PDB file of N, CA and C in Angstrom:
ATOM      1  N   UNK A   1      66.421  68.640  96.379  1.00  0.00           N
ATOM      2  CA  UNK A   1      67.015  68.737  95.078  1.00  0.00           C
ATOM      3  C   UNK A   1      67.658  70.108  94.852  1.00  0.00           C
ATOM      4  N   UNK A   2      67.016  71.163  95.308  1.00  0.00           N
ATOM      5  CA  UNK A   2      67.542  72.515  95.117  1.00  0.00           C
ATOM      6  C   UNK A   2      68.763  72.748  95.992  1.00  0.00           C
ATOM      7  N   UNK A   3      68.938  71.951  97.006  1.00  0.00           N
ATOM      8  CA  UNK A   3      70.040  72.154  97.944  1.00  0.00           C
ATOM      9  C   UNK A   3      71.376  71.729  97.337  1.00  0.00           C
ATOM     10  N   UNK A   4      71.385  70.683  96.520  1.00  0.00           N
ATOM     11  CA  UNK A   4      72.633  70.184  95.950  1.00  0.00           C
ATOM     12  C   UNK A   4      73.312  71.198  95.027  1.00  0.00           C
ATOM     13  N   UNK A   5      72.581  71.884  94.136  1.00  0.00           N
ATOM     14  CA  UNK A   5      73.266  72.872  93.291  1.00  0.00           C
ATOM     15  C   UNK A   5      73.851  74.032  94.104  1.00  0.00           C
ATOM     16  N   UNK A   6      73.182  74.488  95.152  1.00  0.00           N
ATOM     17  CA  UNK A   6      73.729  75.588  95.951  1.00  0.00           C
ATOM     18  C   UNK A   6      74.958  75.149  96.714  1.00  0.00           C
ATOM     19  N   UNK A   7      74.981  73.913  97.197  1.00  0.00           N
ATOM     20  CA  UNK A   7      76.156  73.394  97.891  1.00  0.00           C
ATOM     21  C   UNK A   7      77.304  73.272  96.905  1.00  0.00           C
ATOM     22  N   UNK A   8      77.016  72.785  95.712  1.00  0.00           N
ATOM     23  CA  UNK A   8      78.056  72.639  94.695  1.00  0.00           C
ATOM     24  C   UNK A   8      78.615  74.007  94.302  1.00  0.00           C
ATOM     25  N   UNK A   9      77.753  74.997  94.154  1.00  0.00           N
ATOM     26  CA  UNK A   9      78.216  76.345  93.835  1.00  0.00           C
ATOM     27  C   UNK A   9      79.057  76.922  94.967  1.00  0.00           C
ATOM     28  N   UNK A  10      78.655  76.678  96.191  1.00  0.00           N
ATOM     29  CA  UNK A  10      79.409  77.157  97.343  1.00  0.00           C
ATOM     30  C   UNK A  10      80.800  76.532  97.369  1.00  0.00           C
ATOM     31  N   UNK A  11      80.875  75.227  97.123  1.00  0.00           N
ATOM     32  CA  UNK A  11      82.162  74.531  97.126  1.00  0.00           C
ATOM     33  C   UNK A  11      83.051  75.071  96.007  1.00  0.00           C
ATOM     34  N   UNK A  12      82.491  75.275  94.828  1.00  0.00           N
ATOM     35  CA  UNK A  12      83.270  75.820  93.718  1.00  0.00           C
ATOM     36  C   UNK A  12      83.762  77.234  94.020  1.00  0.00           C
ATOM     37  N   UNK A  13      82.911  78.038  94.610  1.00  0.00           N
ATOM     38  CA  UNK A  13      83.307  79.399  94.961  1.00  0.00           C
ATOM     39  C   UNK A  13      84.423  79.388  95.993  1.00  0.00           C
ATOM     40  N   UNK A  14      84.346  78.525  96.975  1.00  0.00           N
ATOM     41  CA  UNK A  14      85.388  78.429  98.004  1.00  0.00           C
ATOM     42  C   UNK A  14      86.702  77.954  97.397  1.00  0.00           C
ATOM     43  N   UNK A  15      86.639  76.996  96.465  1.00  0.00           N
ATOM     44  CA  UNK A  15      87.844  76.515  95.812  1.00  0.00           C
ATOM     45  C   UNK A  15      88.502  77.638  95.006  1.00  0.00           C
ATOM     46  N   UNK A  16      87.690  78.454  94.348  1.00  0.00           N
ATOM     47  CA  UNK A  16      88.216  79.573  93.577  1.00  0.00           C
ATOM     48  C   UNK A  16      88.892  80.588  94.487  1.00  0.00           C
ATOM     49  N   UNK A  17      88.253  80.904  95.589  1.00  0.00           N
ATOM     50  CA  UNK A  17      88.822  81.862  96.546  1.00  0.00           C
ATOM     51  C   UNK A  17      90.129  81.324  97.116  1.00  0.00           C
ATOM     52  N   UNK A  18      90.161  80.083  97.489  1.00  0.00           N
ATOM     53  CA  UNK A  18      91.359  79.502  98.085  1.00  0.00           C
ATOM     54  C   UNK A  18      92.500  79.415  97.083  1.00  0.00           C
ATOM     55  N   UNK A  19      92.227  79.093  95.847  1.00  0.00           N
ATOM     56  CA  UNK A  19      93.311  79.014  94.864  1.00  0.00           C
ATOM     57  C   UNK A  19      93.858  80.391  94.557  1.00  0.00           C
ATOM     58  N   UNK A  20      93.014  81.412  94.528  1.00  0.00           N
ATOM     59  CA  UNK A  20      93.509  82.769  94.306  1.00  0.00           C
ATOM     60  C   UNK A  20      94.311  83.262  95.496  1.00  0.00           C
ATOM     61  N   UNK A  21      93.942  82.871  96.705  1.00  0.00           N
ATOM     62  CA  UNK A  21      94.661  83.296  97.908  1.00  0.00           C
ATOM     63  C   UNK A  21      96.008  82.601  98.003  1.00  0.00           C
ATOM     64  N   UNK A  22      96.091  81.346  97.508  1.00  0.00           N
ATOM     65  CA  UNK A  22      97.343  80.606  97.595  1.00  0.00           C
ATOM     66  C   UNK A  22      98.370  81.065  96.567  1.00  0.00           C
ATOM     67  N   UNK A  23      97.903  81.555  95.425  1.00  0.00           N
ATOM     68  CA  UNK A  23      98.809  81.959  94.365  1.00  0.00           C
ATOM     69  C   UNK A  23      99.124  83.431  94.562  1.00  0.00           C
ATOM     70  N   UNK A  24     100.348  83.694  94.939  1.00  0.00           N
ATOM     71  CA  UNK A  24     100.778  85.069  95.125  1.00  0.00           C
ATOM     72  C   UNK A  24     101.774  85.417  94.041  1.00  0.00           C
ATOM     73  N   UNK A  25     101.673  86.591  93.517  1.00  0.00           N
ATOM     74  CA  UNK A  25     102.596  87.042  92.493  1.00  0.00           C
ATOM     75  C   UNK A  25     103.899  87.439  93.177  1.00  0.00           C
ATOM     76  N   UNK A  26     104.990  86.674  92.962  1.00  0.00           N
ATOM     77  CA  UNK A  26     106.228  86.973  93.671  1.00  0.00           C
ATOM     78  C   UNK A  26     106.860  88.283  93.233  1.00  0.00           C
ATOM     79  N   UNK A  27     106.488  88.794  92.069  1.00  0.00           N
ATOM     80  CA  UNK A  27     107.086  90.030  91.590  1.00  0.00           C
ATOM     81  C   UNK A  27     106.330  91.269  92.042  1.00  0.00           C
ATOM     82  N   UNK A  28     105.124  91.116  92.560  1.00  0.00           N
ATOM     83  CA  UNK A  28     104.368  92.286  92.984  1.00  0.00           C
ATOM     84  C   UNK A  28     104.937  92.810  94.290  1.00  0.00           C
ATOM     85  N   UNK A  29     105.132  94.113  94.375  1.00  0.00           N
ATOM     86  CA  UNK A  29     105.691  94.680  95.605  1.00  0.00           C
ATOM     87  C   UNK A  29     104.696  94.608  96.750  1.00  0.00           C
ATOM     88  N   UNK A  30     105.221  94.430  97.931  1.00  0.00           N
ATOM     89  CA  UNK A  30     104.390  94.400  99.130  1.00  0.00           C
ATOM     90  C   UNK A  30     104.102  95.843  99.512  1.00  0.00           C
ATOM     91  N   UNK A  31     102.823  96.220  99.637  1.00  0.00           N
ATOM     92  CA  UNK A  31     102.525  97.617  99.990  1.00  0.00           C
ATOM     93  C   UNK A  31     103.033  97.942 101.391  1.00  0.00           C
ATOM     94  N   UNK A  32     103.705  99.057 101.488  1.00  0.00           N
ATOM     95  CA  UNK A  32     104.245  99.516 102.757  1.00  0.00           C
ATOM     96  C   UNK A  32     103.290 100.534 103.355  1.00  0.00           C
ATOM     97  N   UNK A  33     103.151 100.543 104.678  1.00  0.00           N
ATOM     98  CA  UNK A  33     102.296 101.552 105.296  1.00  0.00           C
ATOM     99  C   UNK A  33     102.895 102.940 105.108  1.00  0.00           C
ATOM    100  N   UNK A  34     102.023 103.914 104.984  1.00  0.00           N
ATOM    101  CA  UNK A  34     102.489 105.285 104.827  1.00  0.00           C
ATOM    102  C   UNK A  34     103.215 105.720 106.089  1.00  0.00           C
ATOM    103  N   UNK A  35     104.390 106.271 105.916  1.00  0.00           N
ATOM    104  CA  UNK A  35     105.163 106.718 107.067  1.00  0.00           C
ATOM    105  C   UNK A  35     105.136 108.231 107.118  1.00  0.00           C
ATOM    106  N   UNK A  36     105.083 108.738 108.304  1.00  0.00           N
ATOM    107  CA  UNK A  36     105.075 110.174 108.496  1.00  0.00           C
ATOM    108  C   UNK A  36     106.516 110.659 108.615  1.00  0.00           C
ATOM    109  N   UNK A  37     106.834 111.821 108.051  1.00  0.00           N
ATOM    110  CA  UNK A  37     108.191 112.322 108.194  1.00  0.00           C
ATOM    111  C   UNK A  37     108.484 112.636 109.657  1.00  0.00           C
ATOM    112  N   UNK A  38     109.558 112.077 110.175  1.00  0.00           N
ATOM    113  CA  UNK A  38     109.827 112.208 111.602  1.00  0.00           C
ATOM    114  C   UNK A  38     110.694 113.423 111.937  1.00  0.00           C
ATOM    115  N   UNK A  39     111.387 114.005 110.975  1.00  0.00           N
ATOM    116  CA  UNK A  39     112.216 115.166 111.256  1.00  0.00           C
ATOM    117  C   UNK A  39     111.336 116.325 111.706  1.00  0.00           C
ATOM    118  N   UNK A  40     111.572 116.817 112.907  1.00  0.00           N
ATOM    119  CA  UNK A  40     110.821 117.955 113.415  1.00  0.00           C
ATOM    120  C   UNK A  40     109.535 117.586 114.113  1.00  0.00           C
ATOM    121  N   UNK A  41     109.269 116.302 114.267  1.00  0.00           N
ATOM    122  CA  UNK A  41     108.018 115.925 114.904  1.00  0.00           C
ATOM    123  C   UNK A  41     108.200 115.469 116.337  1.00  0.00           C
ATOM    124  N   UNK A  42     109.418 115.234 116.769  1.00  0.00           N
ATOM    125  CA  UNK A  42     109.620 114.869 118.163  1.00  0.00           C
ATOM    126  C   UNK A  42     109.974 116.129 118.940  1.00  0.00           C
ATOM    127  N   UNK A  43     109.592 116.135 120.176  1.00  0.00           N
ATOM    128  CA  UNK A  43     109.766 117.313 121.004  1.00  0.00           C
ATOM    129  C   UNK A  43     111.225 117.762 121.055  1.00  0.00           C
ATOM    130  N   UNK A  44     111.451 119.031 120.725  1.00  0.00           N
ATOM    131  CA  UNK A  44     112.787 119.606 120.774  1.00  0.00           C
ATOM    132  C   UNK A  44     113.639 119.322 119.553  1.00  0.00           C
ATOM    133  N   UNK A  45     113.067 118.766 118.488  1.00  0.00           N
ATOM    134  CA  UNK A  45     113.886 118.400 117.333  1.00  0.00           C
ATOM    135  C   UNK A  45     113.993 119.495 116.278  1.00  0.00           C
ATOM    136  N   UNK A  46     113.288 120.603 116.454  1.00  0.00           N
ATOM    137  CA  UNK A  46     113.369 121.715 115.503  1.00  0.00           C
ATOM    138  C   UNK A  46     114.173 122.862 116.085  1.00  0.00           C
ATOM    139  N   UNK A  47     114.716 123.671 115.197  1.00  0.00           N
ATOM    140  CA  UNK A  47     115.313 124.937 115.601  1.00  0.00           C
ATOM    141  C   UNK A  47     114.220 125.996 115.465  1.00  0.00           C
ATOM    142  N   UNK A  48     114.256 127.045 116.279  1.00  0.00           N
ATOM    143  CA  UNK A  48     113.180 128.057 116.223  1.00  0.00           C
ATOM    144  C   UNK A  48     112.964 128.647 114.828  1.00  0.00           C
ATOM    145  N   UNK A  49     114.019 128.783 114.044  1.00  0.00           N
ATOM    146  CA  UNK A  49     113.859 129.364 112.705  1.00  0.00           C
ATOM    147  C   UNK A  49     113.148 128.416 111.726  1.00  0.00           C
ATOM    148  N   UNK A  50     113.027 127.165 112.059  1.00  0.00           N
ATOM    149  CA  UNK A  50     112.336 126.196 111.207  1.00  0.00           C
ATOM    150  C   UNK A  50     110.815 126.203 111.432  1.00  0.00           C
ATOM    151  N   UNK A  51     110.361 126.857 112.479  1.00  0.00           N
ATOM    152  CA  UNK A  51     108.939 126.845 112.831  1.00  0.00           C
ATOM    153  C   UNK A  51     108.059 127.475 111.764  1.00  0.00           C
ATOM    154  N   UNK A  52     108.510 128.556 111.152  1.00  0.00           N
ATOM    155  CA  UNK A  52     107.685 129.265 110.171  1.00  0.00           C
ATOM    156  C   UNK A  52     107.319 128.360 108.996  1.00  0.00           C
ATOM    157  N   UNK A  53     108.291 127.652 108.456  1.00  0.00           N
ATOM    158  CA  UNK A  53     108.032 126.765 107.326  1.00  0.00           C
ATOM    159  C   UNK A  53     107.151 125.586 107.692  1.00  0.00           C
ATOM    160  N   UNK A  54     107.426 124.991 108.855  1.00  0.00           N
ATOM    161  CA  UNK A  54     106.622 123.851 109.304  1.00  0.00           C
ATOM    162  C   UNK A  54     105.182 124.265 109.571  1.00  0.00           C
ATOM    163  N   UNK A  55     104.986 125.440 110.150  1.00  0.00           N
ATOM    164  CA  UNK A  55     103.632 125.917 110.445  1.00  0.00           C
ATOM    165  C   UNK A  55     102.895 126.313 109.170  1.00  0.00           C
ATOM    166  N   UNK A  56     103.594 126.840 108.184  1.00  0.00           N
ATOM    167  CA  UNK A  56     102.963 127.153 106.905  1.00  0.00           C
ATOM    168  C   UNK A  56     102.441 125.872 106.265  1.00  0.00           C
ATOM    169  N   UNK A  57     103.210 124.794 106.375  1.00  0.00           N
ATOM    170  CA  UNK A  57     102.780 123.494 105.855  1.00  0.00           C
ATOM    171  C   UNK A  57     101.604 122.956 106.657  1.00  0.00           C
ATOM    172  N   UNK A  58     101.665 123.078 107.980  1.00  0.00           N
ATOM    173  CA  UNK A  58     100.608 122.572 108.863  1.00  0.00           C
ATOM    174  C   UNK A  58      99.280 123.295 108.611  1.00  0.00           C
ATOM    175  N   UNK A  59      99.344 124.593 108.355  1.00  0.00           N
ATOM    176  CA  UNK A  59      98.140 125.411 108.220  1.00  0.00           C
ATOM    177  C   UNK A  59      97.712 125.609 106.769  1.00  0.00           C
ATOM    178  N   UNK A  60      98.304 124.891 105.848  1.00  0.00           N
ATOM    179  CA  UNK A  60      98.023 125.109 104.425  1.00  0.00           C
ATOM    180  C   UNK A  60      96.602 124.736 104.013  1.00  0.00           C
ATOM    181  N   UNK A  61      95.936 123.851 104.745  1.00  0.00           N
ATOM    182  CA  UNK A  61      94.608 123.389 104.331  1.00  0.00           C
ATOM    183  C   UNK A  61      93.460 124.121 105.021  1.00  0.00           C
ATOM    184  N   UNK A  62      93.743 125.026 105.918  1.00  0.00           N
ATOM    185  CA  UNK A  62      92.667 125.700 106.654  1.00  0.00           C
ATOM    186  C   UNK A  62      92.248 126.998 105.973  1.00  0.00           C
ATOM    187  N   UNK A  63      91.047 127.422 106.241  1.00  0.00           N
ATOM    188  CA  UNK A  63      90.565 128.700 105.726  1.00  0.00           C
ATOM    189  C   UNK A  63      91.016 129.842 106.643  1.00  0.00           C
ATOM    190  N   UNK A  64      91.488 129.500 107.840  1.00  0.00           N
ATOM    191  CA  UNK A  64      91.907 130.496 108.839  1.00  0.00           C
ATOM    192  C   UNK A  64      93.423 130.464 108.982  1.00  0.00           C
ATOM    193  N   UNK A  65      94.108 130.781 107.898  1.00  0.00           N
ATOM    194  CA  UNK A  65      95.570 130.643 107.862  1.00  0.00           C
ATOM    195  C   UNK A  65      96.284 131.538 108.869  1.00  0.00           C
ATOM    196  N   UNK A  66      95.879 132.786 108.986  1.00  0.00           N
ATOM    197  CA  UNK A  66      96.590 133.729 109.849  1.00  0.00           C
ATOM    198  C   UNK A  66      96.547 133.307 111.325  1.00  0.00           C
ATOM    199  N   UNK A  67      95.360 133.035 111.912  1.00  0.00           N
ATOM    200  CA  UNK A  67      95.373 132.592 113.305  1.00  0.00           C
ATOM    201  C   UNK A  67      96.011 131.218 113.483  1.00  0.00           C
ATOM    202  N   UNK A  68      95.855 130.348 112.509  1.00  0.00           N
ATOM    203  CA  UNK A  68      96.464 129.022 112.597  1.00  0.00           C
ATOM    204  C   UNK A  68      97.979 129.150 112.666  1.00  0.00           C
ATOM    205  N   UNK A  69      98.551 129.951 111.758  1.00  0.00           N
ATOM    206  CA  UNK A  69     100.008 130.128 111.757  1.00  0.00           C
ATOM    207  C   UNK A  69     100.480 130.810 113.039  1.00  0.00           C
ATOM    208  N   UNK A  70      99.704 131.788 113.538  1.00  0.00           N
ATOM    209  CA  UNK A  70     100.088 132.489 114.760  1.00  0.00           C
ATOM    210  C   UNK A  70     100.224 131.515 115.928  1.00  0.00           C
ATOM    211  N   UNK A  71      99.191 130.700 116.141  1.00  0.00           N
ATOM    212  CA  UNK A  71      99.221 129.780 117.274  1.00  0.00           C
ATOM    213  C   UNK A  71     100.187 128.617 117.030  1.00  0.00           C
ATOM    214  N   UNK A  72     100.295 128.178 115.806  1.00  0.00           N
ATOM    215  CA  UNK A  72     101.239 127.112 115.499  1.00  0.00           C
ATOM    216  C   UNK A  72     102.668 127.568 115.795  1.00  0.00           C
ATOM    217  N   UNK A  73     103.004 128.768 115.365  1.00  0.00           N
ATOM    218  CA  UNK A  73     104.355 129.280 115.607  1.00  0.00           C
ATOM    219  C   UNK A  73     104.610 129.497 117.095  1.00  0.00           C
ATOM    220  N   UNK A  74     103.582 129.924 117.830  1.00  0.00           N
ATOM    221  CA  UNK A  74     103.703 130.089 119.280  1.00  0.00           C
ATOM    222  C   UNK A  74     103.972 128.731 119.940  1.00  0.00           C
ATOM    223  N   UNK A  75     103.232 127.707 119.519  1.00  0.00           N
ATOM    224  CA  UNK A  75     103.409 126.367 120.065  1.00  0.00           C
ATOM    225  C   UNK A  75     104.760 125.789 119.666  1.00  0.00           C
ATOM    226  N   UNK A  76     105.163 126.032 118.438  1.00  0.00           N
ATOM    227  CA  UNK A  76     106.446 125.527 117.955  1.00  0.00           C
ATOM    228  C   UNK A  76     107.605 126.170 118.702  1.00  0.00           C
ATOM    229  N   UNK A  77     107.477 127.455 118.989  1.00  0.00           N
ATOM    230  CA  UNK A  77     108.541 128.142 119.727  1.00  0.00           C
ATOM    231  C   UNK A  77     108.711 127.543 121.127  1.00  0.00           C
ATOM    232  N   UNK A  78     107.598 127.115 121.731  1.00  0.00           N
ATOM    233  CA  UNK A  78     107.665 126.526 123.071  1.00  0.00           C
ATOM    234  C   UNK A  78     108.117 125.063 123.017  1.00  0.00           C
ATOM    235  N   UNK A  79     107.546 124.295 122.101  1.00  0.00           N
ATOM    236  CA  UNK A  79     107.759 122.841 122.070  1.00  0.00           C
ATOM    237  C   UNK A  79     108.876 122.408 121.131  1.00  0.00           C
ATOM    238  N   UNK A  80     109.226 123.263 120.164  1.00  0.00           N
ATOM    239  CA  UNK A  80     110.220 122.951 119.134  1.00  0.00           C
ATOM    240  C   UNK A  80     109.859 121.688 118.359  1.00  0.00           C
ATOM    241  N   UNK A  81     108.583 121.544 118.068  1.00  0.00           N
ATOM    242  CA  UNK A  81     108.112 120.470 117.202  1.00  0.00           C
ATOM    243  C   UNK A  81     106.756 120.864 116.640  1.00  0.00           C
ATOM    244  N   UNK A  82     106.442 120.312 115.461  1.00  0.00           N
ATOM    245  CA  UNK A  82     105.149 120.505 114.814  1.00  0.00           C
ATOM    246  C   UNK A  82     104.730 119.140 114.286  1.00  0.00           C
ATOM    247  N   UNK A  83     103.529 118.692 114.607  1.00  0.00           N
ATOM    248  CA  UNK A  83     103.080 117.392 114.096  1.00  0.00           C
ATOM    249  C   UNK A  83     103.032 117.382 112.571  1.00  0.00           C
ATOM    250  N   UNK A  84     103.277 116.232 111.952  1.00  0.00           N
ATOM    251  CA  UNK A  84     103.240 116.162 110.494  1.00  0.00           C
ATOM    252  C   UNK A  84     101.809 116.238 109.970  1.00  0.00           C
ATOM    253  N   UNK A  85     101.667 116.672 108.737  1.00  0.00           N
ATOM    254  CA  UNK A  85     100.353 116.748 108.109  1.00  0.00           C
ATOM    255  C   UNK A  85      99.649 118.049 108.418  1.00  0.00           C
ATOM    256  N   UNK A  86      98.438 118.173 107.903  1.00  0.00           N
ATOM    257  CA  UNK A  86      97.680 119.408 108.096  1.00  0.00           C
ATOM    258  C   UNK A  86      96.659 119.299 109.219  1.00  0.00           C
ATOM    259  N   UNK A  87      96.466 118.089 109.752  1.00  0.00           N
ATOM    260  CA  UNK A  87      95.479 117.903 110.813  1.00  0.00           C
ATOM    261  C   UNK A  87      95.832 116.641 111.589  1.00  0.00           C
ATOM    262  N   UNK A  88      95.592 116.673 112.893  1.00  0.00           N
ATOM    263  CA  UNK A  88      95.808 115.480 113.707  1.00  0.00           C
ATOM    264  C   UNK A  88      97.272 115.181 113.924  1.00  0.00           C
ATOM    265  N   UNK A  89      97.596 113.936 114.181  1.00  0.00           N
ATOM    266  CA  UNK A  89      98.956 113.446 114.430  1.00  0.00           C
ATOM    267  C   UNK A  89      99.635 114.123 115.618  1.00  0.00           C
ATOM    268  N   UNK A  90      98.854 114.712 116.525  1.00  0.00           N
ATOM    269  CA  UNK A  90      99.435 115.441 117.652  1.00  0.00           C
ATOM    270  C   UNK A  90     100.102 114.529 118.667  1.00  0.00           C
ATOM    271  N   UNK A  91      99.827 113.220 118.611  1.00  0.00           N
ATOM    272  CA  UNK A  91     100.406 112.300 119.574  1.00  0.00           C
ATOM    273  C   UNK A  91     101.930 112.222 119.445  1.00  0.00           C
ATOM    274  N   UNK A  92     102.480 112.606 118.309  1.00  0.00           N
ATOM    275  CA  UNK A  92     103.933 112.534 118.143  1.00  0.00           C
ATOM    276  C   UNK A  92     104.643 113.677 118.854  1.00  0.00           C
ATOM    277  N   UNK A  93     103.906 114.687 119.265  1.00  0.00           N
ATOM    278  CA  UNK A  93     104.490 115.833 119.965  1.00  0.00           C
ATOM    279  C   UNK A  93     103.645 116.131 121.204  1.00  0.00           C
ATOM    280  N   UNK A  94     103.936 115.481 122.327  1.00  0.00           N
ATOM    281  CA  UNK A  94     103.097 115.638 123.526  1.00  0.00           C
ATOM    282  C   UNK A  94     102.958 117.082 124.011  1.00  0.00           C
ATOM    283  N   UNK A  95     104.011 117.854 123.967  1.00  0.00           N
ATOM    284  CA  UNK A  95     103.943 119.247 124.415  1.00  0.00           C
ATOM    285  C   UNK A  95     102.929 120.013 123.565  1.00  0.00           C
ATOM    286  N   UNK A  96     103.001 119.842 122.269  1.00  0.00           N
ATOM    287  CA  UNK A  96     102.099 120.492 121.326  1.00  0.00           C
ATOM    288  C   UNK A  96     100.667 120.033 121.566  1.00  0.00           C
ATOM    289  N   UNK A  97     100.504 118.783 121.886  1.00  0.00           N
ATOM    290  CA  UNK A  97      99.184 118.197 122.089  1.00  0.00           C
ATOM    291  C   UNK A  97      98.569 118.613 123.420  1.00  0.00           C
ATOM    292  N   UNK A  98      99.359 118.717 124.469  1.00  0.00           N
ATOM    293  CA  UNK A  98      98.831 118.920 125.819  1.00  0.00           C
ATOM    294  C   UNK A  98      98.687 120.383 126.227  1.00  0.00           C
ATOM    295  N   UNK A  99      99.172 121.323 125.437  1.00  0.00           N
ATOM    296  CA  UNK A  99      99.045 122.733 125.782  1.00  0.00           C
ATOM    297  C   UNK A  99      97.600 123.152 125.512  1.00  0.00           C
ATOM    298  N   UNK A 100      96.897 123.622 126.550  1.00  0.00           N
ATOM    299  CA  UNK A 100      95.464 123.927 126.462  1.00  0.00           C
ATOM    300  C   UNK A 100      95.201 125.418 126.668  1.00  0.00           C
ATOM    301  N   UNK A 101      94.046 125.877 126.195  1.00  0.00           N
ATOM    302  CA  UNK A 101      93.605 127.246 126.441  1.00  0.00           C
ATOM    303  C   UNK A 101      93.015 127.326 127.851  1.00  0.00           C
ATOM    304  N   UNK A 102      92.631 128.518 128.266  1.00  0.00           N
ATOM    305  CA  UNK A 102      92.018 128.685 129.590  1.00  0.00           C
ATOM    306  C   UNK A 102      90.702 127.905 129.686  1.00  0.00           C
ATOM    307  N   UNK A 103      90.023 127.749 128.570  1.00  0.00           N
ATOM    308  CA  UNK A 103      88.751 127.019 128.550  1.00  0.00           C
ATOM    309  C   UNK A 103      88.934 125.511 128.429  1.00  0.00           C
ATOM    310  N   UNK A 104      90.169 125.058 128.276  1.00  0.00           N
ATOM    311  CA  UNK A 104      90.431 123.634 128.209  1.00  0.00           C
ATOM    312  C   UNK A 104      90.525 123.052 126.812  1.00  0.00           C
ATOM    313  N   UNK A 105      90.375 123.885 125.805  1.00  0.00           N
ATOM    314  CA  UNK A 105      90.496 123.418 124.420  1.00  0.00           C
ATOM    315  C   UNK A 105      91.958 123.364 123.999  1.00  0.00           C
ATOM    316  N   UNK A 106      92.238 122.787 122.859  1.00  0.00           N
ATOM    317  CA  UNK A 106      93.618 122.716 122.397  1.00  0.00           C
ATOM    318  C   UNK A 106      94.125 124.093 121.946  1.00  0.00           C
ATOM    319  N   UNK A 107      95.297 124.462 122.399  1.00  0.00           N
ATOM    320  CA  UNK A 107      95.875 125.739 122.026  1.00  0.00           C
ATOM    321  C   UNK A 107      96.544 125.657 120.661  1.00  0.00           C
ATOM    322  N   UNK A 108      97.117 124.499 120.373  1.00  0.00           N
ATOM    323  CA  UNK A 108      97.902 124.339 119.152  1.00  0.00           C
ATOM    324  C   UNK A 108      97.079 123.669 118.057  1.00  0.00           C
ATOM    325  N   UNK A 109      97.156 124.246 116.837  1.00  0.00           N
ATOM    326  CA  UNK A 109      96.371 123.670 115.728  1.00  0.00           C
ATOM    327  C   UNK A 109      96.966 122.379 115.189  1.00  0.00           C
TER     328      UNK A 109
END
């Protein structure tokens, strides 16, 4: 006897879920994935004078701004690219990503 009400509730819940999934608001915009700015992120796409501004943006969130900017500008001068954002995204600039210190750690922030 207790099984019938739970089955009925399950069926009603599934019907509610399915009707909400089928009804789409045609006026609601489709969310687009966040895109990273590509200017200056591919190898060789920056001019050397653009490195200072890009590195200031890259190092804006760190507590160690001076060493971050120093190494970022050094890497930018060699690779002519800086990954977008303040952290990560190094895959868009292989030269920046693959340059290592003598100990094998990443040279570029």
